[in-house]
Amino acid sequence: MDEKAKNTLKVIKECYEALDDKKAIDITILKLGEKSSITDFFVIATGTSEPHINALRKELEKRLHDVNVDDLKIDYQPESGWAVVDGFDFMVHLFVNEKRELYGLESLWKDAEEINIDSL
């Protein structure tokens, strides 16, 4: 595994830990790899409410900044039920439960490999 891939996995683990610390629900990591030209990994998590989604997003931004990942694109409209934190090699999707079910990213990318956090 090259250095870039190792660094990306460290960042993915940091994302997971930040979300877990803020009580995100059902955190899922999908390795898209060659299956997508958009990004290599999705991290998908559910928040309990719109304020929780916002708190998760802010915590991610802070924690990623702390590990020198500053070139993030954030897409978040209050009351949308969905926030995206795009770090190019990875994208974090934060949903309220209804939106996560509606968009079904895990089903859409069902051929992606699900990564267990303990393997990182």
Protein backbone atom coordinates (compact mmCIF):
# COMPACT_ATOMS: atom_id res chain seq x y z
CA MET A 1 0.00 0.00 0.00
CA ASP A 2 1.44 3.37 -0.97
CA GLU A 3 1.82 6.34 1.37
CA LYS A 4 -1.16 8.23 -0.07
CA ALA A 5 -3.46 5.26 0.56
CA LYS A 6 -2.15 4.89 4.13
CA ASN A 7 -2.79 8.57 4.80
CA THR A 8 -6.31 8.34 3.39
CA LEU A 9 -7.07 5.39 5.69
CA LYS A 10 -5.77 7.38 8.69
CA VAL A 11 -8.10 10.23 7.74
CA ILE A 12 -11.03 7.81 7.35
CA LYS A 13 -10.33 6.48 10.84
CA GLU A 14 -10.22 10.04 12.18
CA CYS A 15 -13.59 10.71 10.55
CA TYR A 16 -15.06 7.59 12.12
CA GLU A 17 -13.74 8.51 15.57
CA ALA A 18 -15.01 12.10 15.32
CA LEU A 19 -18.48 10.88 14.36
CA ASP A 20 -18.47 8.18 17.02
CA ASP A 21 -17.40 10.70 19.69
CA LYS A 22 -20.39 12.89 18.76
CA LYS A 23 -22.79 9.91 18.91
CA ALA A 24 -23.47 9.42 15.21
CA ILE A 25 -25.57 6.34 14.48
CA ASP A 26 -24.78 3.47 12.11
CA ILE A 27 -21.42 4.70 10.80
CA THR A 28 -20.61 2.84 7.60
CA ILE A 29 -17.40 3.00 5.57
CA LEU A 30 -17.55 1.97 1.91
CA LYS A 31 -14.48 1.49 -0.25
CA LEU A 32 -15.47 2.51 -3.75
CA GLY A 33 -12.02 2.38 -5.31
CA GLU A 34 -12.22 1.66 -9.03
CA LYS A 35 -16.02 1.56 -8.91
CA SER A 36 -16.18 5.36 -8.79
CA SER A 37 -14.40 8.22 -10.48
CA ILE A 38 -15.77 10.59 -7.83
CA THR A 39 -13.95 9.39 -4.70
CA ASP A 40 -12.32 6.34 -3.12
CA PHE A 41 -14.32 6.11 0.11
CA PHE A 42 -17.73 7.03 1.49
CA VAL A 43 -18.28 7.43 5.20
CA ILE A 44 -22.01 7.43 5.88
CA ALA A 45 -23.59 8.24 9.23
CA THR A 46 -26.93 9.17 10.70
CA GLY A 47 -27.67 12.01 13.08
CA THR A 48 -30.74 12.20 15.28
CA SER A 49 -31.82 15.68 14.16
CA GLU A 50 -30.82 18.66 12.06
CA PRO A 51 -28.84 20.24 14.95
CA HIS A 52 -27.05 16.90 15.44
CA ILE A 53 -26.12 16.80 11.73
CA ASN A 54 -24.70 20.31 12.06
CA ALA A 55 -22.74 19.35 15.19
CA LEU A 56 -21.33 16.27 13.43
CA ARG A 57 -20.29 18.39 10.45
CA LYS A 58 -18.57 20.97 12.66
CA GLU A 59 -16.73 18.26 14.62
CA LEU A 60 -15.52 16.68 11.38
CA GLU A 61 -14.22 20.01 10.10
CA LYS A 62 -12.39 20.64 13.39
CA ARG A 63 -10.87 17.17 13.64
CA LEU A 64 -9.80 17.12 10.00
CA HIS A 65 -8.23 20.55 10.38
CA ASP A 66 -6.34 19.19 13.42
CA VAL A 67 -4.79 16.48 11.20
CA ASN A 68 -3.97 18.99 8.45
CA VAL A 69 -6.81 18.15 6.07
CA ASP A 70 -7.96 21.63 5.16
CA ASP A 71 -8.96 21.41 1.51
CA LEU A 72 -12.55 20.37 2.20
CA LYS A 73 -15.66 21.15 0.25
CA ILE A 74 -18.76 21.36 2.42
CA ASP A 75 -22.28 21.10 1.11
CA TYR A 76 -24.87 21.73 3.79
CA GLN A 77 -28.17 23.52 3.65
CA PRO A 78 -29.88 23.85 7.04
CA GLU A 79 -33.09 21.84 7.21
CA SER A 80 -32.05 19.62 4.28
CA GLY A 81 -31.34 16.58 6.45
CA TRP A 82 -28.08 15.94 4.62
CA ALA A 83 -24.54 17.29 4.80
CA VAL A 84 -21.55 16.30 2.68
CA VAL A 85 -17.92 16.82 3.65
CA ASP A 86 -15.80 16.19 0.56
CA GLY A 87 -12.08 15.59 1.02
CA PHE A 88 -11.54 14.43 -2.59
CA ASP A 89 -10.26 10.92 -1.70
CA PHE A 90 -13.18 10.51 0.70
CA MET A 91 -16.67 11.89 1.16
CA VAL A 92 -18.60 11.93 4.42
CA HIS A 93 -22.39 11.87 4.09
CA LEU A 94 -24.35 12.85 7.18
CA PHE A 95 -28.08 12.21 7.11
CA VAL A 96 -31.10 12.33 9.34
CA ASN A 97 -32.66 8.86 9.25
CA GLU A 98 -35.44 9.67 6.77
CA LYS A 99 -33.00 11.09 4.21
CA ARG A 100 -30.58 8.21 4.62
CA GLU A 101 -33.38 5.77 3.86
CA LEU A 102 -34.60 7.90 0.95
CA TYR A 103 -31.23 8.16 -0.80
CA GLY A 104 -30.03 4.64 0.10
CA LEU A 105 -26.36 5.15 -0.70
CA GLU A 106 -25.48 1.71 0.66
CA SER A 107 -27.93 0.14 -1.80
CA LEU A 108 -26.79 2.37 -4.64
CA TRP A 109 -23.18 1.30 -4.01
CA LYS A 110 -23.98 -2.28 -2.95
CA ASP A 111 -21.00 -3.61 -4.88
CA ALA A 112 -18.62 -1.46 -2.81
CA GLU A 113 -16.57 -3.13 -0.09
CA GLU A 114 -17.71 -2.31 3.45
CA ILE A 115 -14.71 -1.58 5.65
CA ASN A 116 -14.68 -2.57 9.31
CA ILE A 117 -13.16 0.17 11.48
CA ASP A 118 -11.11 -2.43 13.38
CA SER A 119 -9.25 -3.26 10.17
CA LEU A 120 -7.92 0.31 9.82
